[in-house]
Amino acid sequence: MKKIVLATLLGLAATTAFAAQGDILVRARAIHISPDVKTDKALSALKVDVDSQTVPELDFTYMITDNIGAELILGTARHEVTSSLGSLGKVNHLPPTLTLQYHFAPEATIRPYVGAGINYTRFYNDDLDKVTPLSVDKNSWGYALQLGADVAVNKDWFVNVDVKKLMIKTDVTSVNAVPALGVTAGQNLGTLKINPWVFGVGVGTKF
């Protein structure tokens, strides 16, 4: 009986994908981006909103110690911007995010972690001209919070679940005047805070 118990424990230990100091974890996730939109000024009057999207994401974590890791999150998405007047067009955003993580149980089969860091977002490829030509600030800086867990499948592979909160915003300016809407050329229409929740699930391995 003791031999059976020992063999079982050894088998469980063999399936744990222990991430040690110096390891690099690579994860591929499917993420659902759910904007938590807030606006002011004319954007609020127009009820400006941003739609949700589901896209792939890739991230890399370098384990500084057995418990502390630094993760770089890479992904991009294209969102439609809407208002009470209809669609205002679409815009891409690239939000590379760097977080410092604490891994609570690096040797366990289920390894939860929390993280906090900074987010830089680059807006590009926009066609926000369905109602009036609009201009958005191309760059945004904000903080990022993260909660997740890796679940070992074997010594090399694991399943990952992850939730992030990113702070992303941009100022919106009219390019041309629209007298019917009381909008002048170059007018600041307000700040668009996207601040998405990002829900992810995927697989990972280590090097």
N, C-alpha and C. Protein backbone atom coordinates (compact mmCIF):
# COMPACT_ATOMS: atom_id res chain seq x y z
N MET A 1 0.83 -1.20 0.00
CA MET A 1 0.00 0.00 0.00
C MET A 1 0.87 1.25 0.00
N LYS A 2 1.94 1.25 0.81
CA LYS A 2 2.85 2.39 0.87
C LYS A 2 3.49 2.64 -0.49
N LYS A 3 3.81 1.56 -1.21
CA LYS A 3 4.43 1.71 -2.52
C LYS A 3 3.48 2.35 -3.51
N ILE A 4 2.19 1.97 -3.40
CA ILE A 4 1.19 2.55 -4.30
C ILE A 4 1.04 4.04 -4.04
N VAL A 5 0.96 4.42 -2.75
CA VAL A 5 0.84 5.84 -2.38
C VAL A 5 2.05 6.63 -2.85
N LEU A 6 3.25 6.06 -2.65
CA LEU A 6 4.48 6.73 -3.06
C LEU A 6 4.52 6.91 -4.57
N ALA A 7 4.11 5.88 -5.31
CA ALA A 7 4.10 5.97 -6.76
C ALA A 7 3.11 7.03 -7.24
N THR A 8 1.97 7.10 -6.57
CA THR A 8 0.97 8.11 -6.93
C THR A 8 1.51 9.51 -6.71
N LEU A 9 2.16 9.72 -5.56
CA LEU A 9 2.71 11.04 -5.26
C LEU A 9 3.80 11.42 -6.24
N LEU A 10 4.63 10.47 -6.61
CA LEU A 10 5.69 10.74 -7.59
C LEU A 10 5.09 11.07 -8.95
N GLY A 11 4.00 10.38 -9.28
CA GLY A 11 3.32 10.66 -10.55
C GLY A 11 2.75 12.05 -10.59
N LEU A 12 2.14 12.49 -9.47
CA LEU A 12 1.59 13.84 -9.40
C LEU A 12 2.71 14.87 -9.49
N ALA A 13 3.82 14.60 -8.83
CA ALA A 13 4.94 15.53 -8.89
C ALA A 13 5.48 15.66 -10.30
N ALA A 14 5.46 14.57 -11.05
CA ALA A 14 5.99 14.59 -12.41
C ALA A 14 5.14 15.43 -13.35
N THR A 15 3.86 15.60 -13.01
CA THR A 15 2.98 16.38 -13.89
C THR A 15 3.03 17.87 -13.60
N THR A 16 3.75 18.27 -12.53
CA THR A 16 3.80 19.67 -12.18
C THR A 16 4.85 20.39 -13.02
N ALA A 17 4.40 21.39 -13.78
CA ALA A 17 5.33 22.14 -14.64
C ALA A 17 5.97 23.25 -13.81
N PHE A 18 6.90 22.87 -12.93
CA PHE A 18 7.53 23.82 -12.03
C PHE A 18 8.28 24.89 -12.81
N ALA A 19 7.94 26.16 -12.56
CA ALA A 19 8.62 27.29 -13.19
C ALA A 19 9.62 27.86 -12.19
N ALA A 20 10.90 27.73 -12.48
CA ALA A 20 11.93 28.17 -11.55
C ALA A 20 12.59 29.44 -12.04
N GLN A 21 13.41 30.02 -11.18
CA GLN A 21 14.15 31.23 -11.52
C GLN A 21 14.91 31.02 -12.84
N GLY A 22 14.78 31.98 -13.74
CA GLY A 22 15.46 31.90 -15.02
C GLY A 22 14.64 31.31 -16.14
N ASP A 23 13.51 30.66 -15.81
CA ASP A 23 12.64 30.09 -16.85
C ASP A 23 11.89 31.19 -17.59
N ILE A 24 11.55 30.91 -18.84
CA ILE A 24 10.70 31.78 -19.63
C ILE A 24 9.42 31.03 -19.94
N LEU A 25 8.28 31.58 -19.53
CA LEU A 25 6.98 30.98 -19.81
C LEU A 25 6.37 31.69 -21.02
N VAL A 26 5.86 30.90 -21.94
CA VAL A 26 5.21 31.45 -23.14
C VAL A 26 3.77 30.96 -23.15
N ARG A 27 2.83 31.90 -23.27
CA ARG A 27 1.41 31.55 -23.28
C ARG A 27 0.75 32.09 -24.54
N ALA A 28 -0.14 31.28 -25.11
CA ALA A 28 -1.01 31.73 -26.20
C ALA A 28 -2.43 31.71 -25.67
N ARG A 29 -3.10 32.85 -25.73
CA ARG A 29 -4.44 32.96 -25.17
C ARG A 29 -5.44 33.44 -26.21
N ALA A 30 -6.69 33.07 -26.01
CA ALA A 30 -7.80 33.75 -26.66
C ALA A 30 -8.34 34.72 -25.62
N ILE A 31 -8.45 36.00 -25.97
CA ILE A 31 -8.89 36.99 -25.00
C ILE A 31 -10.16 37.68 -25.49
N HIS A 32 -11.02 38.00 -24.54
CA HIS A 32 -12.23 38.78 -24.83
C HIS A 32 -12.05 40.15 -24.20
N ILE A 33 -12.06 41.19 -25.03
CA ILE A 33 -11.84 42.56 -24.58
C ILE A 33 -13.20 43.22 -24.41
N SER A 34 -13.52 43.58 -23.17
CA SER A 34 -14.82 44.17 -22.85
C SER A 34 -14.62 45.59 -22.32
N PRO A 35 -14.73 46.61 -23.18
CA PRO A 35 -14.48 47.99 -22.74
C PRO A 35 -15.46 48.43 -21.65
N ASP A 36 -14.93 49.16 -20.67
CA ASP A 36 -15.72 49.78 -19.62
C ASP A 36 -15.67 51.29 -19.88
N VAL A 37 -16.50 51.75 -20.82
CA VAL A 37 -16.35 53.08 -21.42
C VAL A 37 -16.90 54.18 -20.51
N LYS A 38 -16.12 55.26 -20.42
CA LYS A 38 -16.56 56.48 -19.76
C LYS A 38 -16.15 57.66 -20.65
N THR A 39 -17.03 58.65 -20.77
CA THR A 39 -16.77 59.81 -21.62
C THR A 39 -17.16 61.09 -20.90
N ASP A 40 -16.80 62.22 -21.50
CA ASP A 40 -17.24 63.51 -21.00
C ASP A 40 -17.50 64.44 -22.18
N LYS A 41 -17.94 65.66 -21.88
CA LYS A 41 -18.20 66.70 -22.88
C LYS A 41 -19.15 66.20 -23.97
N ALA A 42 -18.84 66.54 -25.23
CA ALA A 42 -19.74 66.18 -26.34
C ALA A 42 -19.83 64.68 -26.54
N LEU A 43 -18.80 63.95 -26.17
CA LEU A 43 -18.83 62.49 -26.33
C LEU A 43 -19.92 61.88 -25.47
N SER A 44 -20.14 62.43 -24.29
CA SER A 44 -21.21 61.93 -23.43
C SER A 44 -22.58 62.24 -24.02
N ALA A 45 -22.73 63.46 -24.57
CA ALA A 45 -24.00 63.84 -25.18
C ALA A 45 -24.33 62.94 -26.37
N LEU A 46 -23.29 62.51 -27.08
CA LEU A 46 -23.47 61.64 -28.24
C LEU A 46 -23.53 60.16 -27.86
N LYS A 47 -23.38 59.85 -26.56
CA LYS A 47 -23.42 58.47 -26.07
C LYS A 47 -22.42 57.58 -26.81
N VAL A 48 -21.19 58.05 -26.88
CA VAL A 48 -20.13 57.31 -27.57
C VAL A 48 -19.78 56.05 -26.79
N ASP A 49 -19.62 54.94 -27.52
CA ASP A 49 -19.31 53.65 -26.90
C ASP A 49 -18.33 52.91 -27.79
N VAL A 50 -17.75 51.85 -27.27
CA VAL A 50 -16.78 51.02 -28.00
C VAL A 50 -17.19 49.57 -27.86
N ASP A 51 -17.20 48.82 -28.98
CA ASP A 51 -17.69 47.44 -28.93
C ASP A 51 -16.64 46.48 -28.37
N SER A 52 -17.08 45.29 -27.99
CA SER A 52 -16.20 44.23 -27.48
C SER A 52 -15.63 43.42 -28.64
N GLN A 53 -14.47 42.81 -28.40
CA GLN A 53 -13.84 41.98 -29.42
C GLN A 53 -13.16 40.78 -28.76
N THR A 54 -13.05 39.69 -29.53
CA THR A 54 -12.30 38.50 -29.11
C THR A 54 -11.17 38.28 -30.09
N VAL A 55 -9.93 38.24 -29.59
CA VAL A 55 -8.75 38.17 -30.44
C VAL A 55 -7.69 37.26 -29.79
N PRO A 56 -6.66 36.85 -30.54
CA PRO A 56 -5.56 36.09 -29.94
C PRO A 56 -4.58 37.01 -29.22
N GLU A 57 -3.87 36.45 -28.26
CA GLU A 57 -2.86 37.20 -27.51
C GLU A 57 -1.67 36.29 -27.24
N LEU A 58 -0.49 36.87 -27.20
CA LEU A 58 0.74 36.14 -26.88
C LEU A 58 1.44 36.87 -25.75
N ASP A 59 1.95 36.11 -24.78
CA ASP A 59 2.69 36.77 -23.70
C ASP A 59 3.89 35.94 -23.28
N PHE A 60 4.85 36.63 -22.70
CA PHE A 60 6.11 36.03 -22.25
C PHE A 60 6.36 36.44 -20.81
N THR A 61 6.67 35.47 -19.95
CA THR A 61 6.99 35.75 -18.56
C THR A 61 8.39 35.26 -18.26
N TYR A 62 9.23 36.16 -17.76
CA TYR A 62 10.57 35.78 -17.29
C TYR A 62 10.53 35.68 -15.78
N MET A 63 10.91 34.50 -15.26
CA MET A 63 10.87 34.28 -13.82
C MET A 63 12.15 34.83 -13.19
N ILE A 64 12.01 35.97 -12.50
CA ILE A 64 13.14 36.61 -11.85
C ILE A 64 13.59 35.78 -10.65
N THR A 65 12.63 35.27 -9.89
CA THR A 65 12.86 34.29 -8.83
C THR A 65 11.82 33.19 -9.02
N ASP A 66 11.79 32.22 -8.12
CA ASP A 66 10.76 31.18 -8.21
C ASP A 66 9.35 31.76 -8.08
N ASN A 67 9.22 32.87 -7.35
CA ASN A 67 7.90 33.43 -7.09
C ASN A 67 7.58 34.71 -7.88
N ILE A 68 8.59 35.40 -8.35
CA ILE A 68 8.38 36.69 -9.00
C ILE A 68 8.72 36.61 -10.49
N GLY A 69 7.78 37.06 -11.31
CA GLY A 69 7.98 37.05 -12.76
C GLY A 69 7.62 38.39 -13.37
N ALA A 70 8.21 38.68 -14.52
CA ALA A 70 7.88 39.88 -15.29
C ALA A 70 7.26 39.44 -16.60
N GLU A 71 6.04 39.89 -16.88
CA GLU A 71 5.30 39.44 -18.07
C GLU A 71 5.09 40.57 -19.06
N LEU A 72 5.37 40.30 -20.33
CA LEU A 72 5.08 41.22 -21.42
C LEU A 72 3.93 40.65 -22.23
N ILE A 73 2.85 41.43 -22.36
CA ILE A 73 1.62 40.98 -23.01
C ILE A 73 1.52 41.66 -24.36
N LEU A 74 1.32 40.88 -25.43
CA LEU A 74 1.26 41.41 -26.78
C LEU A 74 -0.05 40.99 -27.46
N GLY A 75 -0.70 41.94 -28.09
CA GLY A 75 -1.93 41.64 -28.82
C GLY A 75 -2.46 42.92 -29.45
N THR A 76 -3.34 42.78 -30.41
CA THR A 76 -3.96 43.96 -31.02
C THR A 76 -5.40 43.63 -31.38
N ALA A 77 -6.22 44.66 -31.48
CA ALA A 77 -7.64 44.46 -31.80
C ALA A 77 -8.16 45.68 -32.55
N ARG A 78 -9.25 45.46 -33.29
CA ARG A 78 -9.91 46.54 -34.01
C ARG A 78 -11.33 46.68 -33.47
N HIS A 79 -11.66 47.88 -33.00
CA HIS A 79 -12.94 48.12 -32.36
C HIS A 79 -13.78 49.11 -33.16
N GLU A 80 -15.09 48.92 -33.12
CA GLU A 80 -16.00 49.89 -33.71
C GLU A 80 -16.42 50.89 -32.63
N VAL A 81 -16.39 52.17 -32.99
CA VAL A 81 -16.82 53.24 -32.10
C VAL A 81 -18.22 53.67 -32.54
N THR A 82 -19.17 53.63 -31.62
CA THR A 82 -20.56 53.94 -31.95
C THR A 82 -21.04 55.16 -31.17
N SER A 83 -22.17 55.71 -31.61
CA SER A 83 -22.78 56.84 -30.92
C SER A 83 -24.28 56.81 -31.16
N SER A 84 -24.99 57.78 -30.60
CA SER A 84 -26.43 57.87 -30.84
C SER A 84 -26.73 58.20 -32.29
N LEU A 85 -25.73 58.66 -33.04
CA LEU A 85 -25.89 58.97 -34.47
C LEU A 85 -25.56 57.77 -35.35
N GLY A 86 -25.10 56.68 -34.74
CA GLY A 86 -24.70 55.50 -35.50
C GLY A 86 -23.21 55.24 -35.35
N SER A 87 -22.65 54.48 -36.28
CA SER A 87 -21.24 54.15 -36.23
C SER A 87 -20.39 55.37 -36.56
N LEU A 88 -19.33 55.57 -35.77
CA LEU A 88 -18.36 56.64 -36.05
C LEU A 88 -17.14 56.11 -36.77
N GLY A 89 -17.08 54.79 -36.98
CA GLY A 89 -15.94 54.18 -37.64
C GLY A 89 -15.23 53.19 -36.74
N LYS A 90 -14.04 52.77 -37.18
CA LYS A 90 -13.28 51.77 -36.44
C LYS A 90 -11.85 52.25 -36.23
N VAL A 91 -11.21 51.69 -35.21
CA VAL A 91 -9.83 52.03 -34.90
C VAL A 91 -9.13 50.81 -34.31
N ASN A 92 -7.87 50.62 -34.67
CA ASN A 92 -7.04 49.57 -34.09
C ASN A 92 -6.30 50.11 -32.87
N HIS A 93 -6.06 49.24 -31.92
CA HIS A 93 -5.18 49.63 -30.83
C HIS A 93 -4.23 48.48 -30.51
N LEU A 94 -2.99 48.86 -30.23
CA LEU A 94 -1.92 47.92 -29.87
C LEU A 94 -1.50 48.27 -28.44
N PRO A 95 -1.86 47.43 -27.46
CA PRO A 95 -1.60 47.78 -26.06
C PRO A 95 -0.55 46.90 -25.37
N PRO A 96 0.74 46.97 -25.77
CA PRO A 96 1.72 46.19 -25.03
C PRO A 96 1.72 46.56 -23.56
N THR A 97 1.71 45.54 -22.70
CA THR A 97 1.55 45.75 -21.26
C THR A 97 2.61 44.95 -20.52
N LEU A 98 3.27 45.59 -19.56
CA LEU A 98 4.30 44.94 -18.76
C LEU A 98 3.83 44.88 -17.31
N THR A 99 3.77 43.66 -16.76
CA THR A 99 3.35 43.50 -15.36
C THR A 99 4.42 42.76 -14.57
N LEU A 100 4.48 43.08 -13.30
CA LEU A 100 5.32 42.33 -12.36
C LEU A 100 4.39 41.42 -11.57
N GLN A 101 4.66 40.12 -11.61
CA GLN A 101 3.75 39.13 -11.04
C GLN A 101 4.34 38.50 -9.78
N TYR A 102 3.43 38.10 -8.87
CA TYR A 102 3.82 37.25 -7.75
C TYR A 102 3.09 35.92 -7.90
N HIS A 103 3.85 34.82 -7.99
CA HIS A 103 3.30 33.47 -8.13
C HIS A 103 3.31 32.82 -6.74
N PHE A 104 2.09 32.49 -6.25
CA PHE A 104 1.94 32.06 -4.87
C PHE A 104 2.46 30.64 -4.61
N ALA A 105 2.30 29.74 -5.56
CA ALA A 105 2.64 28.33 -5.33
C ALA A 105 3.31 27.76 -6.57
N PRO A 106 4.56 28.16 -6.85
CA PRO A 106 5.22 27.79 -8.10
C PRO A 106 5.43 26.29 -8.29
N GLU A 107 5.38 25.50 -7.21
CA GLU A 107 5.59 24.06 -7.34
C GLU A 107 4.29 23.27 -7.34
N ALA A 108 3.15 23.95 -7.20
CA ALA A 108 1.86 23.25 -7.13
C ALA A 108 1.32 22.96 -8.52
N THR A 109 0.33 22.09 -8.59
CA THR A 109 -0.34 21.81 -9.86
C THR A 109 -1.15 23.02 -10.31
N ILE A 110 -1.81 23.70 -9.35
CA ILE A 110 -2.54 24.93 -9.64
C ILE A 110 -1.72 26.08 -9.05
N ARG A 111 -1.29 27.02 -9.92
CA ARG A 111 -0.37 28.07 -9.51
C ARG A 111 -1.00 29.45 -9.74
N PRO A 112 -1.68 30.02 -8.76
CA PRO A 112 -2.28 31.35 -8.93
C PRO A 112 -1.21 32.44 -8.88
N TYR A 113 -1.54 33.57 -9.48
CA TYR A 113 -0.63 34.72 -9.46
C TYR A 113 -1.43 36.01 -9.53
N VAL A 114 -0.82 37.10 -9.06
CA VAL A 114 -1.37 38.44 -9.23
C VAL A 114 -0.28 39.30 -9.85
N GLY A 115 -0.70 40.35 -10.55
CA GLY A 115 0.27 41.21 -11.19
C GLY A 115 -0.21 42.64 -11.27
N ALA A 116 0.74 43.55 -11.39
CA ALA A 116 0.44 44.97 -11.58
C ALA A 116 1.55 45.57 -12.41
N GLY A 117 1.19 46.56 -13.23
CA GLY A 117 2.22 47.15 -14.07
C GLY A 117 1.71 48.32 -14.87
N ILE A 118 2.32 48.54 -16.03
CA ILE A 118 1.98 49.69 -16.87
C ILE A 118 1.53 49.22 -18.25
N ASN A 119 0.66 50.01 -18.83
CA ASN A 119 0.13 49.74 -20.17
C ASN A 119 0.41 50.94 -21.07
N TYR A 120 0.98 50.65 -22.24
CA TYR A 120 1.11 51.67 -23.28
C TYR A 120 0.25 51.24 -24.45
N THR A 121 -0.61 52.13 -24.94
CA THR A 121 -1.47 51.80 -26.07
C THR A 121 -1.20 52.75 -27.23
N ARG A 122 -1.07 52.17 -28.41
CA ARG A 122 -0.90 52.93 -29.64
C ARG A 122 -2.14 52.74 -30.50
N PHE A 123 -2.82 53.83 -30.82
CA PHE A 123 -3.98 53.79 -31.71
C PHE A 123 -3.51 54.00 -33.15
N TYR A 124 -4.05 53.20 -34.07
CA TYR A 124 -3.62 53.32 -35.47
C TYR A 124 -4.74 52.82 -36.40
N ASN A 125 -4.55 53.09 -37.68
CA ASN A 125 -5.46 52.59 -38.73
C ASN A 125 -6.92 52.93 -38.42
N ASP A 126 -7.18 54.22 -38.08
CA ASP A 126 -8.56 54.58 -37.76
C ASP A 126 -9.27 55.17 -38.97
N ASP A 127 -10.56 54.95 -39.04
CA ASP A 127 -11.39 55.56 -40.08
C ASP A 127 -12.61 56.21 -39.43
N LEU A 128 -12.33 57.01 -38.39
CA LEU A 128 -13.40 57.64 -37.63
C LEU A 128 -13.94 58.86 -38.39
N ASP A 129 -14.64 58.59 -39.48
CA ASP A 129 -15.12 59.68 -40.33
C ASP A 129 -16.52 59.41 -40.87
N LYS A 130 -17.28 58.54 -40.19
CA LYS A 130 -18.61 58.20 -40.68
C LYS A 130 -19.59 59.38 -40.53
N VAL A 131 -19.45 60.17 -39.45
CA VAL A 131 -20.32 61.33 -39.23
C VAL A 131 -19.54 62.62 -39.47
N THR A 132 -18.41 62.74 -38.82
CA THR A 132 -17.51 63.88 -39.01
C THR A 132 -16.09 63.38 -38.83
N PRO A 133 -15.12 63.89 -39.61
CA PRO A 133 -13.75 63.45 -39.42
C PRO A 133 -13.27 63.73 -37.99
N LEU A 134 -12.80 62.69 -37.34
CA LEU A 134 -12.35 62.81 -35.96
C LEU A 134 -10.87 62.47 -35.87
N SER A 135 -10.23 63.06 -34.91
CA SER A 135 -8.83 62.77 -34.64
C SER A 135 -8.70 62.30 -33.20
N VAL A 136 -7.92 61.25 -32.98
CA VAL A 136 -7.69 60.76 -31.62
C VAL A 136 -6.20 60.82 -31.31
N ASP A 137 -5.89 61.07 -30.04
CA ASP A 137 -4.49 60.99 -29.61
C ASP A 137 -3.98 59.58 -29.88
N LYS A 138 -2.79 59.49 -30.42
CA LYS A 138 -2.26 58.19 -30.83
C LYS A 138 -1.67 57.38 -29.67
N ASN A 139 -1.37 58.03 -28.55
CA ASN A 139 -0.67 57.35 -27.47
C ASN A 139 -1.43 57.46 -26.16
N SER A 140 -1.39 56.38 -25.37
CA SER A 140 -2.03 56.36 -24.06
C SER A 140 -1.16 55.58 -23.09
N TRP A 141 -1.01 56.10 -21.88
CA TRP A 141 -0.31 55.42 -20.81
C TRP A 141 -1.26 55.22 -19.64
N GLY A 142 -1.18 54.08 -18.99
CA GLY A 142 -2.02 53.82 -17.84
C GLY A 142 -1.51 52.61 -17.07
N TYR A 143 -2.17 52.30 -15.97
CA TYR A 143 -1.74 51.15 -15.18
C TYR A 143 -2.50 49.90 -15.59
N ALA A 144 -2.03 48.76 -15.15
CA ALA A 144 -2.65 47.47 -15.45
C ALA A 144 -2.66 46.61 -14.19
N LEU A 145 -3.76 45.90 -13.97
CA LEU A 145 -3.88 44.94 -12.87
C LEU A 145 -4.21 43.57 -13.45
N GLN A 146 -3.79 42.52 -12.78
CA GLN A 146 -3.89 41.18 -13.35
C GLN A 146 -4.11 40.14 -12.26
N LEU A 147 -4.92 39.12 -12.59
CA LEU A 147 -5.16 37.99 -11.70
C LEU A 147 -5.30 36.75 -12.58
N GLY A 148 -4.61 35.68 -12.23
CA GLY A 148 -4.70 34.49 -13.07
C GLY A 148 -4.16 33.26 -12.39
N ALA A 149 -4.10 32.16 -13.14
CA ALA A 149 -3.58 30.90 -12.62
C ALA A 149 -3.12 30.02 -13.77
N ASP A 150 -2.03 29.31 -13.54
CA ASP A 150 -1.56 28.26 -14.44
C ASP A 150 -1.90 26.91 -13.82
N VAL A 151 -2.41 26.00 -14.64
CA VAL A 151 -2.77 24.66 -14.16
C VAL A 151 -1.96 23.65 -14.95
N ALA A 152 -1.10 22.90 -14.25
CA ALA A 152 -0.19 21.98 -14.92
C ALA A 152 -0.93 20.83 -15.58
N VAL A 153 -0.53 20.54 -16.83
CA VAL A 153 -1.02 19.36 -17.54
C VAL A 153 0.03 18.26 -17.47
N ASN A 154 1.28 18.61 -17.68
CA ASN A 154 2.42 17.72 -17.48
C ASN A 154 3.61 18.60 -17.13
N LYS A 155 4.82 18.07 -17.18
CA LYS A 155 5.99 18.83 -16.73
C LYS A 155 6.35 19.98 -17.65
N ASP A 156 5.83 19.99 -18.87
CA ASP A 156 6.18 21.04 -19.82
C ASP A 156 5.02 21.95 -20.21
N TRP A 157 3.79 21.50 -20.06
CA TRP A 157 2.65 22.26 -20.56
C TRP A 157 1.65 22.57 -19.44
N PHE A 158 0.95 23.68 -19.59
CA PHE A 158 -0.06 24.06 -18.61
C PHE A 158 -1.18 24.83 -19.30
N VAL A 159 -2.33 24.86 -18.64
CA VAL A 159 -3.48 25.66 -19.08
C VAL A 159 -3.49 26.94 -18.27
N ASN A 160 -3.88 28.04 -18.89
CA ASN A 160 -3.87 29.33 -18.21
C ASN A 160 -5.23 30.01 -18.29
N VAL A 161 -5.64 30.61 -17.18
CA VAL A 161 -6.79 31.51 -17.16
C VAL A 161 -6.31 32.83 -16.58
N ASP A 162 -6.84 33.95 -17.09
CA ASP A 162 -6.26 35.24 -16.75
C ASP A 162 -7.30 36.34 -16.91
N VAL A 163 -7.30 37.31 -15.99
CA VAL A 163 -8.15 38.49 -16.09
C VAL A 163 -7.28 39.72 -15.87
N LYS A 164 -7.43 40.70 -16.75
CA LYS A 164 -6.68 41.95 -16.63
C LYS A 164 -7.63 43.15 -16.69
N LYS A 165 -7.23 44.21 -16.01
CA LYS A 165 -7.91 45.50 -16.11
C LYS A 165 -6.88 46.51 -16.62
N LEU A 166 -7.14 47.08 -17.79
CA LEU A 166 -6.21 48.04 -18.39
C LEU A 166 -6.85 49.43 -18.39
N MET A 167 -6.04 50.44 -18.12
CA MET A 167 -6.51 51.81 -18.16
C MET A 167 -6.03 52.45 -19.47
N ILE A 168 -6.97 52.68 -20.37
CA ILE A 168 -6.67 53.21 -21.71
C ILE A 168 -7.60 54.39 -21.99
N LYS A 169 -7.06 55.50 -22.46
CA LYS A 169 -7.90 56.64 -22.79
C LYS A 169 -7.28 57.43 -23.94
N THR A 170 -8.11 58.22 -24.60
CA THR A 170 -7.64 59.09 -25.68
C THR A 170 -8.55 60.30 -25.79
N ASP A 171 -7.98 61.45 -26.14
CA ASP A 171 -8.77 62.64 -26.40
C ASP A 171 -9.24 62.64 -27.85
N VAL A 172 -10.48 63.04 -28.07
CA VAL A 172 -11.08 63.05 -29.41
C VAL A 172 -11.30 64.49 -29.85
N THR A 173 -10.85 64.82 -31.07
CA THR A 173 -10.95 66.18 -31.62
C THR A 173 -11.61 66.13 -32.98
N SER A 174 -12.45 67.10 -33.27
CA SER A 174 -13.06 67.19 -34.60
C SER A 174 -12.06 67.81 -35.57
N VAL A 175 -11.98 67.25 -36.77
CA VAL A 175 -11.08 67.78 -37.79
C VAL A 175 -11.76 68.91 -38.56
N ASN A 176 -13.01 68.72 -38.91
CA ASN A 176 -13.79 69.72 -39.64
C ASN A 176 -14.96 70.22 -38.81
N ALA A 177 -15.48 71.37 -39.18
CA ALA A 177 -16.67 71.91 -38.52
C ALA A 177 -17.92 71.20 -39.01
N VAL A 178 -18.86 70.97 -38.08
CA VAL A 178 -20.17 70.42 -38.43
C VAL A 178 -21.22 71.33 -37.79
N PRO A 179 -21.62 72.40 -38.50
CA PRO A 179 -22.55 73.37 -37.92
C PRO A 179 -23.84 72.76 -37.41
N ALA A 180 -24.34 71.71 -38.08
CA ALA A 180 -25.60 71.10 -37.66
C ALA A 180 -25.50 70.49 -36.27
N LEU A 181 -24.29 70.12 -35.88
CA LEU A 181 -24.09 69.55 -34.55
C LEU A 181 -23.46 70.55 -33.59
N GLY A 182 -23.25 71.77 -34.07
CA GLY A 182 -22.62 72.77 -33.22
C GLY A 182 -21.16 72.50 -32.96
N VAL A 183 -20.49 71.81 -33.90
CA VAL A 183 -19.10 71.41 -33.73
C VAL A 183 -18.21 72.29 -34.61
N THR A 184 -17.14 72.85 -34.04
CA THR A 184 -16.20 73.66 -34.78
C THR A 184 -14.95 72.84 -35.10
N ALA A 185 -14.23 73.27 -36.13
CA ALA A 185 -12.99 72.58 -36.50
C ALA A 185 -11.97 72.68 -35.38
N GLY A 186 -11.36 71.56 -35.06
CA GLY A 186 -10.35 71.54 -34.00
C GLY A 186 -10.91 71.51 -32.59
N GLN A 187 -12.20 71.35 -32.46
CA GLN A 187 -12.82 71.33 -31.13
C GLN A 187 -12.53 70.03 -30.40
N ASN A 188 -12.17 70.16 -29.13
CA ASN A 188 -11.98 68.98 -28.29
C ASN A 188 -13.36 68.47 -27.88
N LEU A 189 -13.69 67.26 -28.32
CA LEU A 189 -15.02 66.70 -28.06
C LEU A 189 -15.08 65.93 -26.75
N GLY A 190 -13.93 65.76 -26.10
CA GLY A 190 -13.91 65.07 -24.81
C GLY A 190 -12.89 63.96 -24.77
N THR A 191 -12.84 63.31 -23.63
CA THR A 191 -11.92 62.19 -23.40
C THR A 191 -12.70 60.88 -23.44
N LEU A 192 -12.20 59.93 -24.22
CA LEU A 192 -12.79 58.60 -24.33
C LEU A 192 -11.94 57.64 -23.49
N LYS A 193 -12.51 57.21 -22.37
CA LYS A 193 -11.82 56.23 -21.51
C LYS A 193 -12.37 54.85 -21.85
N ILE A 194 -11.51 53.99 -22.37
CA ILE A 194 -11.92 52.65 -22.78
C ILE A 194 -11.82 51.67 -21.62
N ASN A 195 -10.73 51.69 -20.88
CA ASN A 195 -10.53 50.94 -19.63
C ASN A 195 -11.10 49.52 -19.68
N PRO A 196 -10.62 48.67 -20.59
CA PRO A 196 -11.25 47.36 -20.78
C PRO A 196 -10.93 46.35 -19.69
N TRP A 197 -11.88 45.44 -19.48
CA TRP A 197 -11.61 44.16 -18.82
C TRP A 197 -11.18 43.19 -19.92
N VAL A 198 -10.13 42.43 -19.65
CA VAL A 198 -9.62 41.48 -20.63
C VAL A 198 -9.63 40.09 -20.00
N PHE A 199 -10.49 39.21 -20.52
CA PHE A 199 -10.64 37.85 -20.01
C PHE A 199 -9.95 36.89 -20.96
N GLY A 200 -9.02 36.08 -20.44
CA GLY A 200 -8.26 35.19 -21.32
C GLY A 200 -8.21 33.76 -20.83
N VAL A 201 -8.08 32.85 -21.81
CA VAL A 201 -7.85 31.43 -21.53
C VAL A 201 -6.93 30.90 -22.62
N GLY A 202 -6.00 30.04 -22.22
CA GLY A 202 -5.06 29.55 -23.23
C GLY A 202 -4.17 28.44 -22.70
N VAL A 203 -3.09 28.20 -23.42
CA VAL A 203 -2.12 27.17 -23.05
C VAL A 203 -0.73 27.79 -23.01
N GLY A 204 0.16 27.15 -22.27
CA GLY A 204 1.51 27.66 -22.18
C GLY A 204 2.54 26.57 -21.99
N THR A 205 3.79 26.96 -22.19
CA THR A 205 4.91 26.05 -21.98
C THR A 205 6.07 26.87 -21.43
N LYS A 206 7.17 26.20 -21.10
CA LYS A 206 8.32 26.93 -20.55
C LYS A 206 9.58 26.54 -21.29
N PHE A 207 10.55 27.44 -21.21
CA PHE A 207 11.86 27.23 -21.84
C PHE A 207 12.96 27.47 -20.82
